[in-house]
């Protein structure tokens, strides 16, 4: 076995060696001027959560469940604040020369909240929960390349893949794949008995969840709060009012129209972090008119992206180009022509499909993202010049992700992005993937996805990922108008690290373990 390191997996210098990653994990999260300290209670208001959420990790889909997952569960690997892979329940990992076999060494002494020690059997059962033809887990597509998992002794798990994957450890960071107790031929996911830094005390989905610090957690450099209460506050005004009144200490998804005013409130700090998060408008490509790529292209040229960035994001973001890869990622296609608002070109594409005009319903809700309804109206107005009539359907916040998303023809959606290209593409663009929100299927894309994953030559890999972005942009089923910054607010009692993760909102959704009471 050869430890993969150096240039082949270089991402801002990550994966130099497992030892280096371990050392990074041991560094304090705060600066010398603001060291974390134990104690206190924090209340966080989240613009996420619905009554249909469950404890089943294969179904988690919003910020409320993601934050809960990272608080109570342990993961083999986590994404560090700098975007690197950091050992968690896994102590180290190494790969064969062709990256088709990975050996992951389990950390000793990690226990579940119930006191049971985490074993290789628990790890295998936790990954297998998402595998197999009968799996309905959203993580199914990203674990599908695993053809076998076995134990080598009592501290090593061997993963065999159907092809090389230079990014395999990143798969193990996915929030759907926590380490749960093995139970029969499955796992115990119902109890919430995790091995993470906090113990789940209560949860009422769509309302609130409460946690307390796990006194037996293996790490002593995380989990600074004594207790946490996380509230589901979908309504923007209610969320903002709760922060200003002191009822909560942190809120996400600010009203960007008034963020400057909010920042002038005494004791309130606004934080903005750029990353791979983006907003999407997927079309159901299984049905007409969206099964015609000329119509899809017309809809992509009929949207004024710059206007949306200005009026919805107020500059806290950038224009998207109908693919999900961010400018900071390794294989971002710098030569792909940026789409701009062009109603004449949109009309031309409609004519190619035999249409003089188009009338469609587009569903939207601020459950998708703050300002999604306003964004839908902007889209409606810009599309008119192209002969496209958009009827904006205002959907209720509660149940949006279960009753509207991937159920109706064209909807507003959002993605936190993923650390590496393969994970993003496999989760949401691979044919048949559970979260392929446009139901898009492209044989060439699927072929490239497999080849790029296994390719160890950086230049060849770059060429394939560039072509995949082109295919998404010019054949794919999603309009991707904007990449958004994560903009959130904390009050003066909350301490935060100088460097924050960009893979999810609120410090990579790991605020519960990385922040503290100042």
Protein backbone atom coordinates (compact mmCIF):
# COMPACT_ATOMS: atom_id res chain seq x y z
CA UNK A 1 0.00 0.00 0.00
CA UNK A 2 1.23 3.49 -0.82
CA UNK A 3 0.13 6.58 1.05
CA UNK A 4 -1.33 9.01 -1.48
CA UNK A 5 0.14 12.44 -0.93
CA UNK A 6 1.72 15.40 -2.62
CA UNK A 7 0.62 16.73 -5.99
CA UNK A 8 -1.87 14.05 -6.91
CA UNK A 9 -4.35 15.13 -4.26
CA UNK A 10 -3.20 18.68 -3.76
CA UNK A 11 -5.99 21.01 -2.63
CA UNK A 12 -4.41 24.01 -0.95
CA UNK A 13 -1.80 21.59 0.29
CA UNK A 14 -4.19 19.06 1.82
CA UNK A 15 -3.35 15.44 2.31
CA UNK A 16 0.38 16.10 2.47
CA UNK A 17 0.52 13.30 4.99
CA UNK A 18 -1.88 11.87 7.50
CA UNK A 19 0.43 13.04 10.26
CA UNK A 20 0.17 16.62 9.02
CA UNK A 21 -3.62 16.38 8.94
CA UNK A 22 -3.64 15.06 12.48
CA UNK A 23 -1.42 17.92 13.62
CA UNK A 24 -3.74 20.44 11.97
CA UNK A 25 -6.72 18.97 13.78
CA UNK A 26 -4.96 19.45 17.10
CA UNK A 27 -4.43 23.20 16.61
CA UNK A 28 -6.74 25.55 18.51
CA UNK A 29 -9.65 26.81 16.42
CA UNK A 30 -9.34 30.36 17.71
CA UNK A 31 -6.54 32.87 17.41
CA UNK A 32 -4.12 33.81 20.17
CA UNK A 33 -6.23 36.93 20.72
CA UNK A 34 -9.49 35.02 21.14
CA UNK A 35 -8.95 31.58 22.60
CA UNK A 36 -12.02 29.35 23.06
CA UNK A 37 -13.23 28.62 26.56
CA UNK A 38 -15.71 26.19 28.05
CA UNK A 39 -19.12 27.03 29.35
CA UNK A 40 -22.37 28.75 28.59
CA UNK A 41 -25.54 28.23 26.60
CA UNK A 42 -26.12 29.25 22.98
CA UNK A 43 -29.36 29.61 21.01
CA UNK A 44 -29.18 29.44 17.22
CA UNK A 45 -31.99 30.40 14.85
CA UNK A 46 -31.89 28.40 11.61
CA UNK A 47 -33.74 29.22 8.40
CA UNK A 48 -34.23 25.49 7.90
CA UNK A 49 -36.15 22.55 9.24
CA UNK A 50 -39.54 21.05 8.54
CA UNK A 51 -41.99 18.80 10.32
CA UNK A 52 -41.26 15.98 7.87
CA UNK A 53 -37.58 15.72 8.87
CA UNK A 54 -36.49 12.49 10.56
CA UNK A 55 -33.45 10.98 12.28
CA UNK A 56 -32.78 8.78 9.24
CA UNK A 57 -29.40 10.01 7.90
CA UNK A 58 -30.25 9.01 4.35
CA UNK A 59 -33.03 11.62 4.30
CA UNK A 60 -31.23 14.65 5.71
CA UNK A 61 -31.51 17.54 3.30
CA UNK A 62 -31.44 20.91 5.08
CA UNK A 63 -29.31 23.00 7.40
CA UNK A 64 -31.22 22.02 10.53
CA UNK A 65 -30.58 18.32 10.08
CA UNK A 66 -27.00 18.85 8.87
CA UNK A 67 -26.11 20.91 11.95
CA UNK A 68 -27.79 18.35 14.20
CA UNK A 69 -25.84 15.57 12.50
CA UNK A 70 -22.44 17.20 12.99
CA UNK A 71 -23.27 18.01 16.62
CA UNK A 72 -24.27 14.51 17.75
CA UNK A 73 -22.48 12.20 15.34
CA UNK A 74 -18.89 11.31 14.57
CA UNK A 75 -17.60 10.89 11.02
CA UNK A 76 -14.58 9.01 9.75
CA UNK A 77 -13.24 12.18 8.13
CA UNK A 78 -14.25 15.84 8.28
CA UNK A 79 -13.59 18.90 6.14
CA UNK A 80 -11.34 21.30 8.00
CA UNK A 81 -11.74 25.09 8.00
CA UNK A 82 -9.11 25.35 5.25
CA UNK A 83 -10.85 22.81 3.01
CA UNK A 84 -8.49 19.96 3.87
CA UNK A 85 -9.44 16.46 4.94
CA UNK A 86 -9.02 16.06 8.70
CA UNK A 87 -9.04 12.74 10.59
CA UNK A 88 -12.01 12.32 12.90
CA UNK A 89 -13.15 8.85 14.00
CA UNK A 90 -10.61 7.62 11.47
CA UNK A 91 -7.07 8.07 12.72
CA UNK A 92 -5.44 7.74 9.30
CA UNK A 93 -5.95 6.37 5.79
CA UNK A 94 -3.84 5.08 2.93
CA UNK A 95 -4.46 3.90 -0.60
CA UNK A 96 -3.11 1.47 -3.11
CA UNK A 97 -1.05 2.87 -5.96
CA UNK A 98 -4.08 2.93 -8.27
CA UNK A 99 -6.43 4.27 -5.56
CA UNK A 100 -8.83 1.33 -5.94
CA UNK A 101 -8.29 0.13 -2.37
CA UNK A 102 -8.29 2.30 0.73
CA UNK A 103 -7.36 1.21 4.24
CA UNK A 104 -8.85 3.35 7.01
CA UNK A 105 -7.54 2.95 10.54
CA UNK A 106 -10.08 3.45 13.32
CA UNK A 107 -9.21 5.65 16.28
CA UNK A 108 -9.08 3.82 19.61
CA UNK A 109 -11.21 4.87 22.57
CA UNK A 110 -14.10 6.53 20.71
CA UNK A 111 -17.43 5.74 22.38
CA UNK A 112 -21.07 6.33 21.65
CA UNK A 113 -23.07 8.47 24.07
CA UNK A 114 -24.48 5.24 25.54
CA UNK A 115 -20.94 4.15 26.47
CA UNK A 116 -20.42 1.48 23.80
CA UNK A 117 -17.05 1.64 22.04
CA UNK A 118 -17.11 2.35 18.30
CA UNK A 119 -15.97 -0.73 16.37
CA UNK A 120 -15.12 -1.56 12.78
CA UNK A 121 -18.46 -3.40 12.62
CA UNK A 122 -20.27 -0.14 13.43
CA UNK A 123 -18.38 1.65 10.68
CA UNK A 124 -19.08 -1.04 8.10
CA UNK A 125 -22.79 -1.14 8.99
CA UNK A 126 -22.98 2.67 8.85
CA UNK A 127 -21.58 2.83 5.31
CA UNK A 128 -23.54 -0.22 4.14
CA UNK A 129 -26.76 1.46 5.26
CA UNK A 130 -26.46 3.69 2.18
CA UNK A 131 -25.36 0.98 -0.27
CA UNK A 132 -27.22 -1.56 -2.36
CA UNK A 133 -29.97 -1.60 -4.94
CA UNK A 134 -32.68 -1.11 -2.34
CA UNK A 135 -31.10 1.99 -0.81
CA UNK A 136 -33.13 5.19 -0.92
CA UNK A 137 -30.39 7.20 0.75
CA UNK A 138 -29.28 10.46 -0.83
CA UNK A 139 -25.73 9.20 -0.28
CA UNK A 140 -26.39 6.14 -2.46
CA UNK A 141 -24.71 7.54 -5.58
CA UNK A 142 -21.49 8.54 -3.84
CA UNK A 143 -21.02 5.17 -2.11
CA UNK A 144 -22.08 3.17 -5.17
CA UNK A 145 -18.44 2.75 -6.36
CA UNK A 146 -17.68 0.80 -3.16
CA UNK A 147 -17.82 -2.87 -4.15
CA UNK A 148 -16.68 -4.34 -0.84
CA UNK A 149 -16.06 -3.30 2.76
CA UNK A 150 -14.31 -5.59 5.19
CA UNK A 151 -12.48 -5.52 8.50
CA UNK A 152 -8.77 -6.21 8.83
CA UNK A 153 -8.38 -6.84 12.52
CA UNK A 154 -10.15 -4.73 15.09
CA UNK A 155 -8.94 -1.32 13.93
CA UNK A 156 -8.85 -1.24 10.11
CA UNK A 157 -11.60 -1.03 7.51
CA UNK A 158 -10.73 -1.95 3.91
CA UNK A 159 -12.72 -0.28 1.14
CA UNK A 160 -12.48 -1.78 -2.34
CA UNK A 161 -13.75 0.37 -5.20
CA UNK A 162 -14.90 -0.44 -8.72
CA UNK A 163 -12.26 1.98 -10.00
CA UNK A 164 -9.62 4.34 -8.72
CA UNK A 165 -10.81 7.36 -6.73
CA UNK A 166 -8.17 9.85 -5.70
CA UNK A 167 -10.75 11.78 -3.66
CA UNK A 168 -12.26 8.83 -1.80
CA UNK A 169 -11.75 10.15 1.78
CA UNK A 170 -13.91 13.16 0.89
CA UNK A 171 -16.83 10.78 0.38
CA UNK A 172 -16.54 9.84 4.04
CA UNK A 173 -17.09 13.49 5.05
CA UNK A 174 -20.61 13.52 3.60
CA UNK A 175 -23.10 14.46 6.31
CA UNK A 176 -25.35 11.54 5.39
CA UNK A 177 -22.72 9.02 6.53
CA UNK A 178 -22.35 9.34 10.32
CA UNK A 179 -21.03 6.47 12.42
CA UNK A 180 -24.04 4.82 14.09
CA UNK A 181 -24.28 1.66 16.17
CA UNK A 182 -24.67 -1.57 14.22
CA UNK A 183 -28.05 -3.14 14.92
CA UNK A 184 -28.98 -6.45 13.34
CA UNK A 185 -28.32 -6.14 9.63
CA UNK A 186 -28.67 -2.34 9.74
CA UNK A 187 -27.92 0.53 12.13
CA UNK A 188 -29.62 2.22 15.05
CA UNK A 189 -30.46 5.60 13.56
CA UNK A 190 -33.65 6.27 15.48
CA UNK A 191 -32.18 6.84 18.95
CA UNK A 192 -29.68 9.56 18.00
CA UNK A 193 -27.00 7.70 19.97
CA UNK A 194 -23.94 9.13 18.26
CA UNK A 195 -20.27 9.49 19.07
CA UNK A 196 -20.10 13.20 18.39
CA UNK A 197 -19.27 16.15 20.65
CA UNK A 198 -22.86 16.74 21.82
CA UNK A 199 -25.66 14.56 23.17
CA UNK A 200 -29.14 15.03 21.72
CA UNK A 201 -31.52 15.77 24.59
CA UNK A 202 -34.68 16.52 22.61
CA UNK A 203 -35.85 17.19 19.08
CA UNK A 204 -39.16 18.38 17.70
CA UNK A 205 -38.59 18.56 13.96
CA UNK A 206 -39.68 21.81 12.42
CA UNK A 207 -39.48 23.47 15.85
CA UNK A 208 -36.33 22.91 17.93
CA UNK A 209 -33.57 20.61 19.13
CA UNK A 210 -31.50 20.77 22.31
CA UNK A 211 -28.07 19.35 23.09
CA UNK A 212 -25.56 19.14 25.92
CA UNK A 213 -21.81 18.60 25.77
CA UNK A 214 -20.64 15.01 25.64
CA UNK A 215 -18.32 14.72 28.67
CA UNK A 216 -16.71 11.57 27.26
CA UNK A 217 -15.86 12.84 23.80
CA UNK A 218 -12.38 11.84 22.63
CA UNK A 219 -11.38 15.39 21.66
CA UNK A 220 -10.71 18.16 24.16
CA UNK A 221 -10.28 20.93 21.57
CA UNK A 222 -13.92 21.08 20.42
CA UNK A 223 -17.41 21.48 21.94
CA UNK A 224 -17.02 24.58 24.08
CA UNK A 225 -20.71 25.19 24.94
CA UNK A 226 -22.31 23.47 27.91
CA UNK A 227 -25.72 23.40 26.21
CA UNK A 228 -27.24 24.33 22.86
CA UNK A 229 -30.72 25.10 21.64
CA UNK A 230 -31.30 25.18 17.91
CA UNK A 231 -34.57 26.68 16.67
CA UNK A 232 -36.21 26.29 13.28
CA UNK A 233 -37.13 29.87 12.33
CA UNK A 234 -38.05 29.78 8.66
CA UNK A 235 -39.63 33.23 8.65
CA UNK A 236 -36.95 35.83 7.94
CA UNK A 237 -38.55 38.58 10.00
CA UNK A 238 -39.01 36.28 12.98
CA UNK A 239 -35.40 35.14 12.73
CA UNK A 240 -34.04 38.69 12.54
CA UNK A 241 -36.25 39.93 15.35
CA UNK A 242 -35.14 37.05 17.54
CA UNK A 243 -31.49 38.09 17.12
CA UNK A 244 -32.13 41.80 17.73
CA UNK A 245 -34.21 41.08 20.83
CA UNK A 246 -31.59 38.70 22.22
CA UNK A 247 -33.83 35.64 22.04
CA UNK A 248 -31.17 33.92 19.90
CA UNK A 249 -27.43 34.47 19.59
CA UNK A 250 -26.89 33.41 15.98
CA UNK A 251 -28.98 33.47 12.80
CA UNK A 252 -28.20 32.39 9.24
CA UNK A 253 -29.61 33.53 5.90
CA UNK A 254 -29.88 37.23 6.60
CA UNK A 255 -32.08 39.67 4.74
CA UNK A 256 -29.39 41.02 2.45
CA UNK A 257 -31.49 44.11 1.70
CA UNK A 258 -31.13 45.22 5.31
CA UNK A 259 -27.89 43.52 6.32
CA UNK A 260 -26.09 46.87 6.57
CA UNK A 261 -28.73 48.20 8.93
CA UNK A 262 -28.61 45.05 11.04
CA UNK A 263 -24.83 45.34 11.26
CA UNK A 264 -25.20 48.77 12.86
CA UNK A 265 -27.13 47.31 15.79
CA UNK A 266 -25.01 47.43 18.97
CA UNK A 267 -23.60 44.02 19.80
CA UNK A 268 -24.33 42.45 16.38
CA UNK A 269 -21.55 41.25 14.05
CA UNK A 270 -22.11 40.35 10.37
CA UNK A 271 -19.90 37.62 8.91
CA UNK A 272 -19.63 36.83 5.18
CA UNK A 273 -17.81 33.76 3.82
CA UNK A 274 -17.38 32.90 0.13
CA UNK A 275 -17.44 29.28 -1.01
CA UNK A 276 -19.15 26.83 -3.35
CA UNK A 277 -22.75 27.46 -2.29
CA UNK A 278 -25.10 28.21 -5.14
CA UNK A 279 -28.74 28.65 -6.05
CA UNK A 280 -30.37 26.51 -8.71
CA UNK A 281 -33.61 26.43 -10.70
CA UNK A 282 -33.94 22.81 -11.79
CA UNK A 283 -36.32 21.69 -14.53
CA UNK A 284 -37.84 18.23 -14.71
CA UNK A 285 -36.17 17.03 -17.91
CA UNK A 286 -38.39 13.93 -18.01
CA UNK A 287 -41.37 16.02 -19.09
CA UNK A 288 -42.17 18.63 -21.72
CA UNK A 289 -41.20 21.27 -22.46
CA UNK A 290 -38.07 20.76 -20.36
CA UNK A 291 -37.09 17.55 -22.18
CA UNK A 292 -36.06 19.75 -25.12
CA UNK A 293 -32.58 21.22 -24.64
CA UNK A 294 -33.44 24.17 -26.87
CA UNK A 295 -36.10 25.14 -24.32
CA UNK A 296 -33.61 24.67 -21.49
CA UNK A 297 -31.09 26.89 -23.25
CA UNK A 298 -33.77 29.53 -23.87
CA UNK A 299 -34.56 29.57 -20.15
CA UNK A 300 -30.85 29.93 -19.34
CA UNK A 301 -30.43 32.94 -21.64
CA UNK A 302 -33.70 34.46 -20.44
CA UNK A 303 -32.45 35.11 -16.90
CA UNK A 304 -30.55 38.23 -15.89
CA UNK A 305 -27.89 36.84 -13.57
CA UNK A 306 -26.10 40.10 -12.82
CA UNK A 307 -29.38 41.74 -11.87
CA UNK A 308 -30.08 38.89 -9.44
CA UNK A 309 -26.64 39.18 -7.85
CA UNK A 310 -27.22 42.91 -7.42
CA UNK A 311 -30.83 42.84 -6.22
CA UNK A 312 -31.05 39.51 -4.38
CA UNK A 313 -27.50 39.02 -3.08
CA UNK A 314 -26.63 42.74 -2.87
CA UNK A 315 -23.14 41.89 -4.00
CA UNK A 316 -22.67 38.98 -1.58
CA UNK A 317 -21.99 36.51 -4.37
CA UNK A 318 -21.33 36.18 -8.09
CA UNK A 319 -23.06 35.13 -11.31
CA UNK A 320 -23.36 31.41 -11.95
CA UNK A 321 -22.88 29.68 -15.28
CA UNK A 322 -25.28 26.72 -15.06
CA UNK A 323 -22.80 24.28 -13.55
CA UNK A 324 -22.10 23.69 -9.84
CA UNK A 325 -18.31 24.07 -9.67
CA UNK A 326 -17.04 27.14 -7.85
CA UNK A 327 -14.16 29.39 -8.90
CA UNK A 328 -12.05 28.28 -5.95
CA UNK A 329 -12.21 24.58 -6.84
CA UNK A 330 -9.31 22.73 -8.39
CA UNK A 331 -10.86 22.04 -11.77
CA UNK A 332 -12.99 25.13 -12.36
CA UNK A 333 -13.31 25.68 -16.12
CA UNK A 334 -11.76 29.11 -16.67
CA UNK A 335 -12.35 29.00 -20.44
CA UNK A 336 -16.07 28.21 -20.47
CA UNK A 337 -18.00 31.14 -21.93
CA UNK A 338 -20.01 32.92 -19.26
CA UNK A 339 -23.71 33.10 -20.13
CA UNK A 340 -25.20 36.58 -20.00
CA UNK A 341 -28.75 37.83 -20.34
CA UNK A 342 -29.62 37.63 -24.05
CA UNK A 343 -33.37 37.59 -24.84
CA UNK A 344 -32.70 37.46 -28.59
CA UNK A 345 -30.63 34.29 -28.19
CA UNK A 346 -33.35 32.89 -25.93
CA UNK A 347 -35.93 33.56 -28.67
CA UNK A 348 -33.67 31.84 -31.19
CA UNK A 349 -33.49 28.71 -29.06
CA UNK A 350 -37.27 28.69 -28.69
CA UNK A 351 -37.58 28.89 -32.48
CA UNK A 352 -35.25 25.88 -32.79
CA UNK A 353 -37.73 23.95 -30.69
CA UNK A 354 -40.59 25.07 -32.92
CA UNK A 355 -42.04 27.56 -30.42
CA UNK A 356 -42.93 31.23 -30.85
CA UNK A 357 -43.33 31.61 -27.08
CA UNK A 358 -43.46 29.65 -23.87
CA UNK A 359 -45.68 29.67 -20.77
CA UNK A 360 -44.57 27.78 -17.65
CA UNK A 361 -45.13 27.60 -13.90
CA UNK A 362 -42.12 28.12 -11.63
CA UNK A 363 -42.49 27.23 -7.94
CA UNK A 364 -40.65 29.25 -5.34
CA UNK A 365 -40.51 29.78 -1.59
CA UNK A 366 -38.15 31.45 0.83
CA UNK A 367 -37.61 27.95 2.20
CA UNK A 368 -35.37 27.51 -0.86
CA UNK A 369 -33.29 30.55 0.07
CA UNK A 370 -33.87 34.03 1.41
CA UNK A 371 -35.16 36.16 -1.46
CA UNK A 372 -36.17 33.21 -3.64
CA UNK A 373 -39.64 34.65 -4.21
CA UNK A 374 -38.17 38.01 -5.23
CA UNK A 375 -35.70 36.17 -7.48
CA UNK A 376 -38.59 34.37 -9.16
CA UNK A 377 -40.28 37.70 -9.91
CA UNK A 378 -37.05 39.07 -11.40
CA UNK A 379 -36.83 35.96 -13.57
CA UNK A 380 -40.45 36.45 -14.60
CA UNK A 381 -39.71 40.03 -15.69
CA UNK A 382 -36.47 39.30 -17.57
CA UNK A 383 -37.95 36.30 -19.40
CA UNK A 384 -40.80 38.37 -20.86
CA UNK A 385 -38.48 40.01 -23.38
CA UNK A 386 -37.67 36.53 -24.72
CA UNK A 387 -41.33 35.60 -25.17
CA UNK A 388 -41.32 33.42 -22.06
CA UNK A 389 -44.23 33.84 -19.68
CA UNK A 390 -43.42 32.64 -16.17
CA UNK A 391 -46.20 32.15 -13.67
CA UNK A 392 -44.61 32.37 -10.21
CA UNK A 393 -46.25 29.85 -7.87
CA UNK A 394 -45.74 30.86 -4.24
CA UNK A 395 -45.32 27.64 -2.25
CA UNK A 396 -45.57 27.24 1.55
CA UNK A 397 -42.31 27.06 3.51
CA UNK A 398 -43.18 23.96 5.50
CA UNK A 399 -43.03 20.86 3.36
CA UNK A 400 -41.32 22.64 0.47
CA UNK A 401 -38.54 20.05 0.23
CA UNK A 402 -40.88 17.07 0.56
CA UNK A 403 -43.85 18.27 -1.50
CA UNK A 404 -42.45 20.69 -4.11
CA UNK A 405 -38.74 20.05 -4.73
CA UNK A 406 -38.28 17.27 -7.29
CA UNK A 407 -42.06 17.03 -7.49
CA UNK A 408 -43.00 20.01 -9.66
CA UNK A 409 -41.77 20.94 -13.13
CA UNK A 410 -39.50 23.90 -12.35
CA UNK A 411 -38.59 25.04 -8.86
CA UNK A 412 -36.10 27.12 -6.91
CA UNK A 413 -33.46 25.27 -4.92
CA UNK A 414 -30.06 25.71 -3.27
CA UNK A 415 -26.88 23.73 -2.70
CA UNK A 416 -24.13 24.18 -0.16
CA UNK A 417 -21.69 22.85 -2.73
CA UNK A 418 -19.29 19.99 -2.10
CA UNK A 419 -15.52 20.06 -1.44
CA UNK A 420 -14.57 18.18 -4.61
CA UNK A 421 -16.02 18.01 -8.11
CA UNK A 422 -16.72 14.28 -8.09
CA UNK A 423 -18.84 14.50 -4.96
CA UNK A 424 -20.95 17.35 -6.33
CA UNK A 425 -21.45 15.74 -9.71
CA UNK A 426 -22.14 12.27 -8.27
CA UNK A 427 -24.71 13.60 -5.80
CA UNK A 428 -26.76 15.82 -8.08
CA UNK A 429 -25.93 15.24 -11.76
CA UNK A 430 -25.25 11.55 -12.26
CA UNK A 431 -28.05 9.75 -14.09
CA UNK A 432 -30.46 8.24 -11.58
CA UNK A 433 -28.91 9.87 -8.51
CA UNK A 434 -31.48 10.34 -5.72
CA UNK A 435 -30.83 14.06 -5.63
CA UNK A 436 -30.48 14.64 -9.37
CA UNK A 437 -33.05 17.39 -9.00
CA UNK A 438 -33.58 17.91 -12.75
CA UNK A 439 -33.62 14.17 -13.59
CA UNK A 440 -31.03 15.02 -16.26
CA UNK A 441 -29.33 12.10 -17.95
CA UNK A 442 -26.34 12.42 -20.25
CA UNK A 443 -24.39 9.33 -21.32
CA UNK A 444 -21.19 11.24 -22.05
CA UNK A 445 -21.33 12.98 -18.66
CA UNK A 446 -21.76 9.66 -16.84
CA UNK A 447 -18.84 8.17 -18.78
CA UNK A 448 -16.59 11.09 -17.88
CA UNK A 449 -17.66 10.97 -14.24
CA UNK A 450 -16.29 7.44 -13.86
CA UNK A 451 -13.11 8.15 -15.84
CA UNK A 452 -12.27 11.40 -14.05
CA UNK A 453 -12.73 9.81 -10.65
CA UNK A 454 -10.09 7.19 -11.40
CA UNK A 455 -7.67 9.38 -13.36
CA UNK A 456 -4.49 10.17 -11.43
CA UNK A 457 -2.96 12.41 -14.11
CA UNK A 458 -3.91 15.97 -13.12
CA UNK A 459 -4.01 17.39 -16.65
CA UNK A 460 -6.18 14.59 -18.03
CA UNK A 461 -8.46 14.91 -15.03
CA UNK A 462 -8.77 18.65 -15.57
CA UNK A 463 -9.80 18.16 -19.21
CA UNK A 464 -12.56 15.76 -18.21
CA UNK A 465 -13.95 17.98 -15.47
CA UNK A 466 -13.88 20.94 -17.84
CA UNK A 467 -15.96 19.02 -20.38
CA UNK A 468 -18.40 17.97 -17.65
CA UNK A 469 -18.96 21.60 -16.68
CA UNK A 470 -19.59 22.41 -20.35
CA UNK A 471 -22.15 19.60 -20.57
CA UNK A 472 -23.95 20.83 -17.45
CA UNK A 473 -23.98 24.41 -18.69
CA UNK A 474 -25.15 23.73 -22.22
CA UNK A 475 -27.19 20.54 -21.94
CA UNK A 476 -28.01 20.21 -18.24
CA UNK A 477 -31.40 20.63 -16.64
CA UNK A 478 -30.67 23.38 -14.13
CA UNK A 479 -30.40 27.13 -14.42
CA UNK A 480 -27.70 28.12 -11.93
CA UNK A 481 -27.90 31.91 -11.75
CA UNK A 482 -25.84 32.71 -8.65
CA UNK A 483 -23.11 31.57 -6.30
CA UNK A 484 -23.95 33.02 -2.91
CA UNK A 485 -21.72 33.97 -0.02
CA UNK A 486 -22.70 32.62 3.38
CA UNK A 487 -23.84 35.69 5.32
CA UNK A 488 -24.83 35.27 8.95
CA UNK A 489 -24.97 37.26 12.17
CA UNK A 490 -23.83 36.62 15.74
CA UNK A 491 -24.17 38.68 18.88
CA UNK A 492 -21.26 39.90 20.96
CA UNK A 493 -21.33 36.94 23.34
CA UNK A 494 -20.35 34.48 20.58
CA UNK A 495 -16.69 33.77 19.86
CA UNK A 496 -15.74 32.61 16.36
CA UNK A 497 -12.45 31.47 14.78
CA UNK A 498 -10.54 33.64 12.33
CA UNK A 499 -10.72 31.03 9.55
CA UNK A 500 -14.10 29.48 8.82
CA UNK A 501 -15.02 26.58 6.57
CA UNK A 502 -16.67 27.40 3.26
CA UNK A 503 -18.31 24.06 2.45
CA UNK A 504 -21.49 24.83 4.43
CA UNK A 505 -23.07 27.80 6.15
CA UNK A 506 -22.06 28.68 9.72
CA UNK A 507 -18.48 27.43 9.54
CA UNK A 508 -19.15 24.30 7.53
CA UNK A 509 -22.17 23.55 9.78
CA UNK A 510 -19.68 22.86 12.59
CA UNK A 511 -20.36 25.95 14.69
CA UNK A 512 -21.50 23.70 17.56
CA UNK A 513 -18.00 22.29 17.99
CA UNK A 514 -15.85 25.23 16.80
CA UNK A 515 -17.49 28.33 18.36
CA UNK A 516 -17.67 29.39 21.99
CA UNK A 517 -19.06 31.97 24.43
CA UNK A 518 -16.63 34.89 24.35
